[in-house]
Amino acid sequence: MLAVAALTWTACGNKGSQASVDADSTQVATDTLGTAGVPQDSVPMAAFDINKYVDEMVDKAMVWYSKGADDVRLIAYALVDVDGDGHPEVWVKGDEGQDYQGVYSIVNDTVTLLASSDVRSELEFYKGAVGFSGYYGDGLSRKGFTFVKNSREGDSYFHENKFDNSSEEQEDLYDEFMKNGDDCSEEEWARAEQLLGDTISLSPVWHPIEQKMKLSDYAE
């Protein structure tokens, strides 16, 4: 079950007992999420300092269209448990001019980008995976997804298709399929895509990112 954390970041072994489930059971909003198998008392979300990770998230940001990653300014975050292990991933979004969104795994202070989107694409959530898809104009489309297990990055897949949109047949100019950064066959891609299942619709609880500025940030 893919869950969105509503109120607290925890380091407990069990999910909070209070939960609200929508009619089709595709979304669970819980008041606590934590690290599976580590029985400790829950702590307020305030104990999770997003500012500790913002710079690294921006450094790892991937933007296909429009502005580059250097222009990303993160303004809000939500917690979402992609693989249902009790330890949430961090979903962030940039300002409206950027339209950047990213989902990151944070384990032992190690930040890993799992998927990202921009003005020409959108994030897609699955049970146990997160990805993106989009059309980038001039006959170019891209789709990617990453499996998540134990809050860590699993196999990652990417597909880029370029077709001739000036012809009625719209024939493919090229099709590129990749697994973990290396070429793979269309059949291998299709098998992995089939494992995804249907996308899951989420309504995140966004928390503002109030970046803590240092005096050195103002120095020339």
N, C-alpha and C. Protein backbone atom coordinates (compact mmCIF):
# COMPACT_ATOMS: atom_id res chain seq x y z
N MET A 1 0.84 -1.19 0.00
CA MET A 1 0.00 0.00 0.00
C MET A 1 0.88 1.25 0.00
N LEU A 2 0.60 2.13 -0.88
CA LEU A 2 1.36 3.37 -0.98
C LEU A 2 0.69 4.41 -0.11
N ALA A 3 1.46 5.03 0.81
CA ALA A 3 0.85 5.93 1.78
C ALA A 3 1.47 7.30 1.73
N VAL A 4 0.68 8.31 2.07
CA VAL A 4 1.16 9.68 2.19
C VAL A 4 1.11 10.08 3.65
N ALA A 5 2.24 10.56 4.18
CA ALA A 5 2.28 10.97 5.58
C ALA A 5 1.66 12.34 5.74
N ALA A 6 0.76 12.46 6.69
CA ALA A 6 0.03 13.71 6.84
C ALA A 6 0.60 14.60 7.94
N LEU A 7 1.08 14.01 9.05
CA LEU A 7 1.41 14.86 10.17
C LEU A 7 2.82 14.70 10.72
N THR A 8 3.36 13.50 10.77
CA THR A 8 4.64 13.35 11.46
C THR A 8 5.61 12.50 10.68
N TRP A 9 6.90 12.80 10.89
CA TRP A 9 8.01 11.95 10.45
C TRP A 9 8.43 11.16 11.66
N THR A 10 8.55 9.85 11.54
CA THR A 10 8.88 9.06 12.71
C THR A 10 10.03 8.13 12.44
N ALA A 11 10.52 7.51 13.49
CA ALA A 11 11.52 6.46 13.41
C ALA A 11 11.03 5.27 14.20
N CYS A 12 9.79 4.89 14.00
CA CYS A 12 9.22 3.80 14.76
C CYS A 12 9.04 2.59 13.87
N GLY A 13 8.80 1.46 14.50
CA GLY A 13 8.69 0.22 13.75
C GLY A 13 7.32 0.00 13.17
N ASN A 14 6.29 0.62 13.70
CA ASN A 14 4.94 0.41 13.23
C ASN A 14 4.34 1.71 12.74
N LYS A 15 3.50 1.61 11.73
CA LYS A 15 2.78 2.78 11.27
C LYS A 15 1.75 3.19 12.32
N GLY A 16 1.38 4.45 12.30
CA GLY A 16 0.42 4.96 13.27
C GLY A 16 -0.89 4.23 13.16
N SER A 17 -1.58 4.14 14.29
CA SER A 17 -2.82 3.39 14.30
C SER A 17 -3.96 4.14 13.63
N GLN A 18 -3.83 5.47 13.54
CA GLN A 18 -4.89 6.24 12.91
C GLN A 18 -4.62 6.38 11.42
N ALA A 19 -5.60 6.06 10.62
CA ALA A 19 -5.43 6.17 9.16
C ALA A 19 -6.78 6.42 8.53
N SER A 20 -6.75 7.13 7.41
CA SER A 20 -7.97 7.34 6.64
C SER A 20 -7.76 6.74 5.26
N VAL A 21 -8.71 5.95 4.81
CA VAL A 21 -8.59 5.25 3.54
C VAL A 21 -9.71 5.71 2.62
N ASP A 22 -9.37 5.99 1.35
CA ASP A 22 -10.41 6.43 0.44
C ASP A 22 -11.25 5.26 -0.02
N ALA A 23 -12.26 5.55 -0.83
CA ALA A 23 -13.26 4.54 -1.15
C ALA A 23 -12.69 3.33 -1.88
N ASP A 24 -11.71 3.55 -2.77
CA ASP A 24 -11.20 2.42 -3.54
C ASP A 24 -9.90 1.88 -2.96
N SER A 25 -9.52 2.33 -1.77
CA SER A 25 -8.36 1.82 -1.04
C SER A 25 -7.04 1.99 -1.79
N THR A 26 -6.96 2.96 -2.68
CA THR A 26 -5.70 3.18 -3.39
C THR A 26 -4.82 4.18 -2.67
N GLN A 27 -5.35 4.85 -1.64
CA GLN A 27 -4.56 5.85 -0.94
C GLN A 27 -4.81 5.76 0.55
N VAL A 28 -3.75 5.78 1.32
CA VAL A 28 -3.86 5.80 2.76
C VAL A 28 -3.10 7.00 3.28
N ALA A 29 -3.72 7.82 4.08
CA ALA A 29 -3.04 8.94 4.72
C ALA A 29 -2.87 8.60 6.19
N THR A 30 -1.65 8.51 6.67
CA THR A 30 -1.41 8.10 8.05
C THR A 30 -0.77 9.25 8.82
N ASP A 31 -0.89 9.18 10.14
CA ASP A 31 -0.33 10.25 10.94
C ASP A 31 1.11 9.96 11.33
N THR A 32 1.58 8.75 11.12
CA THR A 32 2.98 8.44 11.42
C THR A 32 3.52 7.49 10.37
N LEU A 33 4.77 7.68 10.03
CA LEU A 33 5.50 6.77 9.16
C LEU A 33 6.93 6.72 9.68
N GLY A 34 7.55 5.57 9.64
CA GLY A 34 8.90 5.50 10.18
C GLY A 34 9.73 4.42 9.54
N THR A 35 10.84 4.06 10.16
CA THR A 35 11.74 3.05 9.65
C THR A 35 11.32 1.69 10.15
N ALA A 36 11.04 0.78 9.22
CA ALA A 36 10.55 -0.53 9.60
C ALA A 36 11.58 -1.27 10.44
N GLY A 37 11.11 -1.94 11.48
CA GLY A 37 11.99 -2.79 12.27
C GLY A 37 12.84 -2.05 13.29
N VAL A 38 12.64 -0.76 13.46
CA VAL A 38 13.40 0.01 14.45
C VAL A 38 12.41 0.58 15.46
N PRO A 39 12.11 -0.16 16.54
CA PRO A 39 11.08 0.28 17.48
C PRO A 39 11.56 1.44 18.35
N GLN A 40 11.19 2.65 17.97
CA GLN A 40 11.48 3.84 18.75
C GLN A 40 10.23 4.70 18.80
N ASP A 41 10.20 5.60 19.75
CA ASP A 41 9.06 6.50 19.84
C ASP A 41 9.03 7.42 18.64
N SER A 42 7.84 7.78 18.19
CA SER A 42 7.72 8.71 17.08
C SER A 42 8.12 10.10 17.53
N VAL A 43 8.59 10.89 16.60
CA VAL A 43 8.99 12.26 16.89
C VAL A 43 8.23 13.18 15.96
N PRO A 44 8.03 14.46 16.32
CA PRO A 44 7.28 15.37 15.46
C PRO A 44 7.97 15.57 14.11
N MET A 45 7.18 15.89 13.10
CA MET A 45 7.75 16.14 11.79
C MET A 45 8.80 17.24 11.84
N ALA A 46 8.66 18.16 12.80
CA ALA A 46 9.63 19.24 12.92
C ALA A 46 11.04 18.71 13.11
N ALA A 47 11.16 17.47 13.61
CA ALA A 47 12.49 16.90 13.81
C ALA A 47 13.14 16.52 12.48
N PHE A 48 12.33 16.41 11.42
CA PHE A 48 12.87 16.16 10.09
C PHE A 48 13.15 17.51 9.45
N ASP A 49 14.43 17.84 9.31
CA ASP A 49 14.82 19.14 8.79
C ASP A 49 15.06 19.04 7.29
N ILE A 50 14.09 19.45 6.50
CA ILE A 50 14.21 19.38 5.05
C ILE A 50 15.37 20.22 4.56
N ASN A 51 15.70 21.29 5.28
CA ASN A 51 16.80 22.16 4.86
C ASN A 51 18.14 21.44 4.83
N LYS A 52 18.23 20.37 5.59
CA LYS A 52 19.47 19.59 5.61
C LYS A 52 19.74 18.94 4.26
N TYR A 53 18.68 18.76 3.46
CA TYR A 53 18.81 18.00 2.22
C TYR A 53 18.51 18.82 0.96
N VAL A 54 18.01 20.04 1.12
CA VAL A 54 17.57 20.81 -0.03
C VAL A 54 18.67 21.01 -1.06
N ASP A 55 19.84 21.43 -0.63
CA ASP A 55 20.93 21.70 -1.59
C ASP A 55 21.28 20.46 -2.40
N GLU A 56 21.34 19.32 -1.73
CA GLU A 56 21.69 18.09 -2.45
C GLU A 56 20.56 17.68 -3.39
N MET A 57 19.32 17.91 -2.98
CA MET A 57 18.20 17.61 -3.87
C MET A 57 18.28 18.45 -5.13
N VAL A 58 18.61 19.73 -4.98
CA VAL A 58 18.74 20.60 -6.15
C VAL A 58 19.90 20.16 -7.02
N ASP A 59 21.01 19.78 -6.41
CA ASP A 59 22.17 19.31 -7.17
C ASP A 59 21.83 18.08 -8.01
N LYS A 60 20.96 17.22 -7.49
CA LYS A 60 20.62 15.98 -8.18
C LYS A 60 19.39 16.14 -9.09
N ALA A 61 18.78 17.33 -9.08
CA ALA A 61 17.56 17.55 -9.87
C ALA A 61 17.84 17.31 -11.36
N MET A 62 16.85 16.73 -12.03
CA MET A 62 16.96 16.50 -13.47
C MET A 62 15.78 17.20 -14.15
N VAL A 63 16.10 18.17 -15.00
CA VAL A 63 15.08 18.93 -15.71
C VAL A 63 15.32 18.77 -17.20
N TRP A 64 14.34 18.20 -17.91
CA TRP A 64 14.50 17.94 -19.33
C TRP A 64 14.22 19.18 -20.16
N TYR A 65 13.27 19.97 -19.71
CA TYR A 65 12.76 21.05 -20.55
C TYR A 65 12.82 22.37 -19.81
N SER A 66 12.98 23.45 -20.53
CA SER A 66 12.98 24.79 -19.96
C SER A 66 14.23 25.01 -19.13
N LYS A 67 14.07 25.56 -17.94
CA LYS A 67 15.22 25.93 -17.12
C LYS A 67 16.02 24.70 -16.71
N GLY A 68 17.27 24.93 -16.36
CA GLY A 68 18.11 23.85 -15.91
C GLY A 68 17.99 23.61 -14.41
N ALA A 69 18.67 22.56 -13.94
CA ALA A 69 18.60 22.21 -12.53
C ALA A 69 19.13 23.32 -11.63
N ASP A 70 20.05 24.13 -12.14
CA ASP A 70 20.60 25.21 -11.33
C ASP A 70 19.56 26.25 -10.97
N ASP A 71 18.45 26.27 -11.71
CA ASP A 71 17.40 27.26 -11.46
C ASP A 71 16.29 26.74 -10.56
N VAL A 72 16.38 25.47 -10.14
CA VAL A 72 15.33 24.90 -9.31
C VAL A 72 15.32 25.57 -7.94
N ARG A 73 14.15 26.00 -7.51
CA ARG A 73 13.98 26.53 -6.16
C ARG A 73 12.84 25.77 -5.50
N LEU A 74 13.17 24.91 -4.56
CA LEU A 74 12.19 24.06 -3.92
C LEU A 74 11.37 24.87 -2.91
N ILE A 75 10.04 24.72 -2.98
CA ILE A 75 9.18 25.51 -2.12
C ILE A 75 8.32 24.67 -1.18
N ALA A 76 8.20 23.35 -1.42
CA ALA A 76 7.34 22.54 -0.57
C ALA A 76 7.74 21.07 -0.66
N TYR A 77 7.35 20.29 0.36
CA TYR A 77 7.62 18.86 0.34
C TYR A 77 6.46 18.11 0.99
N ALA A 78 6.37 16.84 0.63
CA ALA A 78 5.42 15.92 1.25
C ALA A 78 6.15 14.59 1.43
N LEU A 79 5.62 13.75 2.30
CA LEU A 79 6.20 12.44 2.54
C LEU A 79 5.29 11.38 1.93
N VAL A 80 5.88 10.47 1.17
CA VAL A 80 5.09 9.43 0.51
C VAL A 80 5.86 8.11 0.59
N ASP A 81 5.19 7.08 1.06
CA ASP A 81 5.82 5.77 1.24
C ASP A 81 5.59 4.94 -0.02
N VAL A 82 6.51 5.01 -0.96
CA VAL A 82 6.33 4.39 -2.27
C VAL A 82 6.26 2.87 -2.18
N ASP A 83 7.14 2.27 -1.39
CA ASP A 83 7.21 0.81 -1.34
C ASP A 83 6.51 0.21 -0.13
N GLY A 84 5.88 1.05 0.70
CA GLY A 84 5.11 0.54 1.83
C GLY A 84 5.93 -0.10 2.92
N ASP A 85 7.20 0.28 3.06
CA ASP A 85 8.05 -0.33 4.09
C ASP A 85 8.01 0.44 5.40
N GLY A 86 7.24 1.55 5.45
CA GLY A 86 7.14 2.32 6.67
C GLY A 86 8.11 3.48 6.75
N HIS A 87 9.03 3.58 5.81
CA HIS A 87 9.99 4.70 5.78
C HIS A 87 9.67 5.54 4.55
N PRO A 88 9.18 6.77 4.72
CA PRO A 88 8.71 7.54 3.58
C PRO A 88 9.82 8.10 2.70
N GLU A 89 9.52 8.20 1.42
CA GLU A 89 10.34 8.96 0.50
C GLU A 89 9.88 10.42 0.57
N VAL A 90 10.70 11.33 0.03
CA VAL A 90 10.39 12.76 0.12
C VAL A 90 10.04 13.27 -1.28
N TRP A 91 8.87 13.83 -1.40
CA TRP A 91 8.34 14.38 -2.65
C TRP A 91 8.43 15.90 -2.55
N VAL A 92 9.15 16.52 -3.46
CA VAL A 92 9.33 17.98 -3.40
C VAL A 92 8.82 18.61 -4.69
N LYS A 93 8.52 19.91 -4.59
CA LYS A 93 8.13 20.64 -5.80
C LYS A 93 8.80 22.00 -5.81
N GLY A 94 9.05 22.50 -7.03
CA GLY A 94 9.65 23.80 -7.19
C GLY A 94 8.61 24.87 -7.40
N ASP A 95 9.06 26.09 -7.63
CA ASP A 95 8.12 27.18 -7.83
C ASP A 95 7.38 27.01 -9.16
N GLU A 96 6.35 27.82 -9.34
CA GLU A 96 5.48 27.65 -10.50
C GLU A 96 6.22 27.89 -11.82
N GLY A 97 7.19 28.77 -11.82
CA GLY A 97 7.93 29.03 -13.05
C GLY A 97 8.77 27.84 -13.48
N GLN A 98 9.17 27.02 -12.52
CA GLN A 98 10.00 25.86 -12.83
C GLN A 98 9.16 24.62 -13.13
N ASP A 99 8.08 24.45 -12.36
CA ASP A 99 7.24 23.26 -12.47
C ASP A 99 8.01 21.97 -12.22
N TYR A 100 9.07 22.05 -11.43
CA TYR A 100 9.86 20.86 -11.11
C TYR A 100 9.22 20.11 -9.95
N GLN A 101 9.20 18.79 -10.07
CA GLN A 101 8.85 17.92 -8.95
C GLN A 101 9.82 16.75 -8.94
N GLY A 102 10.16 16.30 -7.76
CA GLY A 102 11.07 15.17 -7.64
C GLY A 102 10.72 14.31 -6.45
N VAL A 103 11.01 13.02 -6.55
CA VAL A 103 10.85 12.09 -5.43
C VAL A 103 12.22 11.54 -5.10
N TYR A 104 12.59 11.66 -3.84
CA TYR A 104 13.93 11.28 -3.39
C TYR A 104 13.85 10.25 -2.27
N SER A 105 14.80 9.33 -2.28
CA SER A 105 15.01 8.42 -1.16
C SER A 105 16.09 9.01 -0.27
N ILE A 106 15.85 9.01 1.03
CA ILE A 106 16.87 9.44 1.98
C ILE A 106 17.07 8.32 2.99
N VAL A 107 18.21 7.67 2.91
CA VAL A 107 18.56 6.57 3.82
C VAL A 107 19.94 6.85 4.37
N ASN A 108 20.04 6.92 5.69
CA ASN A 108 21.32 7.23 6.34
C ASN A 108 21.94 8.50 5.77
N ASP A 109 21.10 9.51 5.57
CA ASP A 109 21.52 10.81 5.06
C ASP A 109 22.03 10.76 3.62
N THR A 110 21.83 9.65 2.94
CA THR A 110 22.18 9.54 1.52
C THR A 110 20.96 9.87 0.69
N VAL A 111 21.07 10.89 -0.16
CA VAL A 111 19.95 11.36 -0.97
C VAL A 111 20.05 10.77 -2.38
N THR A 112 18.99 10.12 -2.83
CA THR A 112 18.95 9.52 -4.17
C THR A 112 17.70 10.00 -4.90
N LEU A 113 17.88 10.53 -6.09
CA LEU A 113 16.74 10.93 -6.91
C LEU A 113 16.13 9.69 -7.56
N LEU A 114 14.85 9.47 -7.34
CA LEU A 114 14.16 8.31 -7.90
C LEU A 114 13.42 8.66 -9.19
N ALA A 115 12.82 9.84 -9.24
CA ALA A 115 12.09 10.28 -10.43
C ALA A 115 11.86 11.77 -10.34
N SER A 116 11.73 12.42 -11.49
CA SER A 116 11.47 13.85 -11.50
C SER A 116 10.65 14.23 -12.72
N SER A 117 10.02 15.40 -12.65
CA SER A 117 9.22 15.89 -13.77
C SER A 117 9.41 17.39 -13.90
N ASP A 118 8.98 17.92 -15.04
CA ASP A 118 9.06 19.37 -15.26
C ASP A 118 7.82 19.82 -16.01
N VAL A 119 7.89 20.97 -16.66
CA VAL A 119 6.71 21.55 -17.28
C VAL A 119 6.15 20.69 -18.41
N ARG A 120 6.95 19.84 -19.01
CA ARG A 120 6.49 19.00 -20.12
C ARG A 120 6.23 17.55 -19.71
N SER A 121 6.28 17.24 -18.44
CA SER A 121 6.07 15.86 -18.01
C SER A 121 5.37 15.86 -16.65
N GLU A 122 5.03 14.68 -16.17
CA GLU A 122 4.40 14.58 -14.86
C GLU A 122 4.86 13.31 -14.16
N LEU A 123 4.86 13.38 -12.83
CA LEU A 123 5.22 12.21 -12.04
C LEU A 123 4.12 11.17 -12.10
N GLU A 124 4.52 9.91 -11.98
CA GLU A 124 3.56 8.82 -11.95
C GLU A 124 3.94 7.88 -10.81
N PHE A 125 2.96 7.60 -9.93
CA PHE A 125 3.19 6.74 -8.79
C PHE A 125 2.52 5.38 -9.02
N TYR A 126 3.22 4.34 -8.61
CA TYR A 126 2.73 2.97 -8.69
C TYR A 126 2.95 2.32 -7.33
N LYS A 127 2.41 1.14 -7.15
CA LYS A 127 2.68 0.38 -5.94
C LYS A 127 4.09 -0.18 -6.04
N GLY A 128 5.03 0.45 -5.34
CA GLY A 128 6.41 -0.03 -5.34
C GLY A 128 7.30 0.59 -6.40
N ALA A 129 6.83 1.65 -7.05
CA ALA A 129 7.65 2.30 -8.08
C ALA A 129 7.17 3.74 -8.28
N VAL A 130 8.06 4.56 -8.84
CA VAL A 130 7.71 5.93 -9.16
C VAL A 130 8.41 6.29 -10.47
N GLY A 131 7.76 7.10 -11.30
CA GLY A 131 8.35 7.42 -12.59
C GLY A 131 7.79 8.72 -13.14
N PHE A 132 8.00 8.93 -14.43
CA PHE A 132 7.51 10.13 -15.10
C PHE A 132 7.22 9.78 -16.55
N SER A 133 6.44 10.62 -17.20
CA SER A 133 6.25 10.52 -18.65
C SER A 133 5.88 11.89 -19.17
N GLY A 134 6.21 12.13 -20.44
CA GLY A 134 5.88 13.42 -21.01
C GLY A 134 6.17 13.50 -22.49
N TYR A 135 5.55 14.46 -23.13
CA TYR A 135 5.78 14.76 -24.54
C TYR A 135 6.52 16.09 -24.62
N TYR A 136 7.63 16.10 -25.32
CA TYR A 136 8.53 17.25 -25.29
C TYR A 136 8.51 18.05 -26.59
N GLY A 137 7.52 17.80 -27.43
CA GLY A 137 7.41 18.54 -28.67
C GLY A 137 8.27 17.98 -29.77
N ASP A 138 7.95 18.35 -31.01
CA ASP A 138 8.72 17.93 -32.18
C ASP A 138 8.84 16.41 -32.26
N GLY A 139 7.78 15.69 -31.87
CA GLY A 139 7.76 14.24 -32.01
C GLY A 139 8.58 13.48 -31.00
N LEU A 140 8.91 14.08 -29.87
CA LEU A 140 9.77 13.43 -28.86
C LEU A 140 8.99 13.16 -27.58
N SER A 141 9.00 11.92 -27.14
CA SER A 141 8.37 11.56 -25.87
C SER A 141 9.34 10.74 -25.03
N ARG A 142 9.18 10.84 -23.72
CA ARG A 142 10.05 10.11 -22.80
C ARG A 142 9.21 9.54 -21.67
N LYS A 143 9.65 8.38 -21.20
CA LYS A 143 9.03 7.77 -20.02
C LYS A 143 10.12 7.04 -19.24
N GLY A 144 10.06 7.16 -17.92
CA GLY A 144 11.01 6.45 -17.08
C GLY A 144 10.35 6.04 -15.78
N PHE A 145 10.88 5.01 -15.14
CA PHE A 145 10.37 4.60 -13.84
C PHE A 145 11.45 3.83 -13.09
N THR A 146 11.35 3.88 -11.76
CA THR A 146 12.32 3.24 -10.88
C THR A 146 11.57 2.44 -9.83
N PHE A 147 11.96 1.19 -9.66
CA PHE A 147 11.38 0.37 -8.60
C PHE A 147 12.05 0.74 -7.27
N VAL A 148 11.28 0.68 -6.20
CA VAL A 148 11.79 1.03 -4.87
C VAL A 148 11.54 -0.14 -3.93
N LYS A 149 12.58 -0.53 -3.20
CA LYS A 149 12.45 -1.62 -2.23
C LYS A 149 13.30 -1.28 -1.02
N ASN A 150 12.71 -1.42 0.16
CA ASN A 150 13.39 -1.07 1.41
C ASN A 150 13.93 0.36 1.35
N SER A 151 13.12 1.23 0.77
CA SER A 151 13.43 2.67 0.66
C SER A 151 14.65 2.95 -0.21
N ARG A 152 15.11 2.00 -0.95
CA ARG A 152 16.30 2.18 -1.79
C ARG A 152 15.95 2.03 -3.27
N GLU A 153 16.78 2.63 -4.09
CA GLU A 153 16.59 2.59 -5.54
C GLU A 153 16.83 1.19 -6.07
N GLY A 154 15.86 0.68 -6.83
CA GLY A 154 16.02 -0.59 -7.51
C GLY A 154 16.33 -0.38 -8.97
N ASP A 155 15.92 -1.30 -9.82
CA ASP A 155 16.16 -1.16 -11.25
C ASP A 155 15.42 0.04 -11.81
N SER A 156 16.09 0.76 -12.70
CA SER A 156 15.54 1.97 -13.30
C SER A 156 15.46 1.79 -14.81
N TYR A 157 14.33 2.19 -15.41
CA TYR A 157 14.10 2.00 -16.84
C TYR A 157 13.78 3.34 -17.50
N PHE A 158 14.19 3.46 -18.76
CA PHE A 158 13.99 4.71 -19.49
C PHE A 158 13.69 4.39 -20.95
N HIS A 159 12.71 5.13 -21.51
CA HIS A 159 12.34 4.93 -22.92
C HIS A 159 12.22 6.30 -23.57
N GLU A 160 12.90 6.47 -24.69
CA GLU A 160 12.80 7.70 -25.47
C GLU A 160 12.38 7.34 -26.89
N ASN A 161 11.34 8.01 -27.35
CA ASN A 161 10.82 7.74 -28.69
C ASN A 161 10.78 9.04 -29.50
N LYS A 162 11.29 8.97 -30.70
CA LYS A 162 11.27 10.12 -31.61
C LYS A 162 10.58 9.67 -32.88
N PHE A 163 9.52 10.41 -33.27
CA PHE A 163 8.80 10.04 -34.48
C PHE A 163 8.67 11.26 -35.39
N ASP A 164 8.40 10.99 -36.64
CA ASP A 164 8.28 12.05 -37.64
C ASP A 164 6.85 12.58 -37.62
N ASN A 165 6.64 13.69 -36.93
CA ASN A 165 5.28 14.21 -36.83
C ASN A 165 4.89 15.09 -38.01
N SER A 166 5.76 15.14 -39.02
CA SER A 166 5.42 15.89 -40.23
C SER A 166 4.77 15.00 -41.28
N SER A 167 4.77 13.70 -41.04
CA SER A 167 4.17 12.77 -42.00
C SER A 167 2.89 12.19 -41.41
N GLU A 168 1.99 11.76 -42.27
CA GLU A 168 0.73 11.21 -41.81
C GLU A 168 0.95 9.90 -41.05
N GLU A 169 1.94 9.13 -41.44
CA GLU A 169 2.19 7.85 -40.80
C GLU A 169 2.87 8.00 -39.45
N GLN A 170 3.51 9.15 -39.22
CA GLN A 170 4.26 9.40 -37.99
C GLN A 170 5.19 8.23 -37.66
N GLU A 171 6.01 7.88 -38.63
CA GLU A 171 6.92 6.76 -38.47
C GLU A 171 7.99 7.08 -37.42
N ASP A 172 8.38 6.03 -36.70
CA ASP A 172 9.42 6.19 -35.69
C ASP A 172 10.75 6.52 -36.35
N LEU A 173 11.41 7.54 -35.80
CA LEU A 173 12.77 7.84 -36.23
C LEU A 173 13.76 7.03 -35.41
N TYR A 174 13.44 6.87 -34.12
CA TYR A 174 14.22 5.94 -33.30
C TYR A 174 13.46 5.64 -32.01
N ASP A 175 13.76 4.51 -31.43
CA ASP A 175 13.23 4.07 -30.15
C ASP A 175 14.42 3.64 -29.30
N GLU A 176 14.56 4.21 -28.12
CA GLU A 176 15.68 3.86 -27.24
C GLU A 176 15.12 3.31 -25.94
N PHE A 177 15.60 2.14 -25.54
CA PHE A 177 15.20 1.51 -24.29
C PHE A 177 16.44 1.29 -23.44
N MET A 178 16.34 1.65 -22.15
CA MET A 178 17.50 1.53 -21.27
C MET A 178 17.09 0.95 -19.92
N LYS A 179 18.02 0.23 -19.33
CA LYS A 179 17.87 -0.30 -17.97
C LYS A 179 19.13 0.06 -17.20
N ASN A 180 18.96 0.78 -16.12
CA ASN A 180 20.09 1.19 -15.27
C ASN A 180 21.19 1.88 -16.08
N GLY A 181 20.78 2.67 -17.07
CA GLY A 181 21.72 3.46 -17.85
C GLY A 181 22.33 2.74 -19.03
N ASP A 182 22.01 1.47 -19.22
CA ASP A 182 22.54 0.70 -20.36
C ASP A 182 21.40 0.30 -21.28
N ASP A 183 21.72 0.11 -22.55
CA ASP A 183 20.72 -0.31 -23.52
C ASP A 183 20.10 -1.64 -23.12
N CYS A 184 18.81 -1.76 -23.35
CA CYS A 184 18.14 -3.04 -23.14
C CYS A 184 17.15 -3.25 -24.28
N SER A 185 16.59 -4.43 -24.36
CA SER A 185 15.67 -4.75 -25.45
C SER A 185 14.28 -4.20 -25.15
N GLU A 186 13.48 -4.05 -26.19
CA GLU A 186 12.10 -3.60 -26.03
C GLU A 186 11.31 -4.62 -25.21
N GLU A 187 11.64 -5.90 -25.38
CA GLU A 187 10.95 -6.95 -24.64
C GLU A 187 11.23 -6.83 -23.13
N GLU A 188 12.48 -6.54 -22.77
CA GLU A 188 12.82 -6.40 -21.36
C GLU A 188 12.12 -5.19 -20.76
N TRP A 189 12.08 -4.10 -21.53
CA TRP A 189 11.35 -2.91 -21.08
C TRP A 189 9.87 -3.24 -20.86
N ALA A 190 9.26 -3.94 -21.81
CA ALA A 190 7.83 -4.26 -21.74
C ALA A 190 7.52 -5.13 -20.53
N ARG A 191 8.41 -6.08 -20.21
CA ARG A 191 8.19 -6.93 -19.04
C ARG A 191 8.23 -6.11 -17.76
N ALA A 192 9.17 -5.19 -17.68
CA ALA A 192 9.27 -4.34 -16.49
C ALA A 192 8.07 -3.41 -16.38
N GLU A 193 7.64 -2.83 -17.51
CA GLU A 193 6.50 -1.93 -17.51
C GLU A 193 5.24 -2.65 -17.06
N GLN A 194 5.11 -3.92 -17.44
CA GLN A 194 3.93 -4.69 -17.07
C GLN A 194 3.86 -4.90 -15.55
N LEU A 195 5.02 -4.96 -14.90
CA LEU A 195 5.06 -5.16 -13.46
C LEU A 195 4.55 -3.94 -12.69
N LEU A 196 4.53 -2.78 -13.33
CA LEU A 196 4.13 -1.56 -12.65
C LEU A 196 2.68 -1.59 -12.20
N GLY A 197 1.81 -2.15 -13.02
CA GLY A 197 0.39 -2.08 -12.73
C GLY A 197 -0.16 -0.69 -13.02
N ASP A 198 -1.28 -0.38 -12.46
CA ASP A 198 -1.92 0.91 -12.71
C ASP A 198 -1.27 2.02 -11.89
N THR A 199 -1.38 3.24 -12.40
CA THR A 199 -0.91 4.38 -11.63
C THR A 199 -1.84 4.62 -10.44
N ILE A 200 -1.29 5.27 -9.42
CA ILE A 200 -2.04 5.57 -8.20
C ILE A 200 -2.16 7.07 -8.06
N SER A 201 -3.35 7.55 -7.84
CA SER A 201 -3.58 8.97 -7.68
C SER A 201 -3.40 9.37 -6.22
N LEU A 202 -2.58 10.39 -5.96
CA LEU A 202 -2.30 10.83 -4.60
C LEU A 202 -2.65 12.30 -4.44
N SER A 203 -3.06 12.65 -3.24
CA SER A 203 -3.31 14.05 -2.88
C SER A 203 -2.36 14.40 -1.75
N PRO A 204 -1.18 14.92 -2.07
CA PRO A 204 -0.16 15.13 -1.04
C PRO A 204 -0.53 16.25 -0.08
N VAL A 205 -0.03 16.14 1.15
CA VAL A 205 -0.12 17.21 2.12
C VAL A 205 1.19 17.98 2.04
N TRP A 206 1.16 19.15 1.41
CA TRP A 206 2.39 19.91 1.18
C TRP A 206 2.76 20.73 2.42
N HIS A 207 4.05 20.70 2.73
CA HIS A 207 4.59 21.49 3.82
C HIS A 207 5.59 22.48 3.23
N PRO A 208 5.51 23.75 3.59
CA PRO A 208 6.42 24.74 3.00
C PRO A 208 7.87 24.50 3.39
N ILE A 209 8.76 24.76 2.44
CA ILE A 209 10.19 24.71 2.72
C ILE A 209 10.65 26.13 3.01
N GLU A 210 10.94 26.38 4.25
CA GLU A 210 11.41 27.70 4.65
C GLU A 210 12.92 27.64 4.79
N GLN A 211 13.59 27.97 3.71
CA GLN A 211 15.04 27.81 3.69
C GLN A 211 15.69 28.75 4.70
N LYS A 212 16.59 28.18 5.47
CA LYS A 212 17.31 28.93 6.49
C LYS A 212 18.57 29.52 5.86
N MET A 213 18.55 30.81 5.67
CA MET A 213 19.66 31.49 5.02
C MET A 213 20.81 31.74 6.00
N LYS A 214 22.02 31.59 5.51
CA LYS A 214 23.22 31.89 6.28
C LYS A 214 23.75 33.26 5.88
N LEU A 215 24.51 33.85 6.77
CA LEU A 215 25.09 35.15 6.47
C LEU A 215 25.96 35.07 5.23
N SER A 216 26.63 33.92 5.05
CA SER A 216 27.52 33.75 3.90
C SER A 216 26.77 33.77 2.59
N ASP A 217 25.45 33.44 2.63
CA ASP A 217 24.66 33.47 1.41
C ASP A 217 24.49 34.88 0.87
N TYR A 218 24.66 35.87 1.72
CA TYR A 218 24.51 37.26 1.30
C TYR A 218 25.83 37.92 0.99
N ALA A 219 26.93 37.26 1.37
CA ALA A 219 28.26 37.86 1.17
C ALA A 219 28.65 37.85 -0.31
N GLU A 220 29.34 38.87 -0.72
CA GLU A 220 29.79 38.94 -2.12
C GLU A 220 31.08 38.15 -2.28
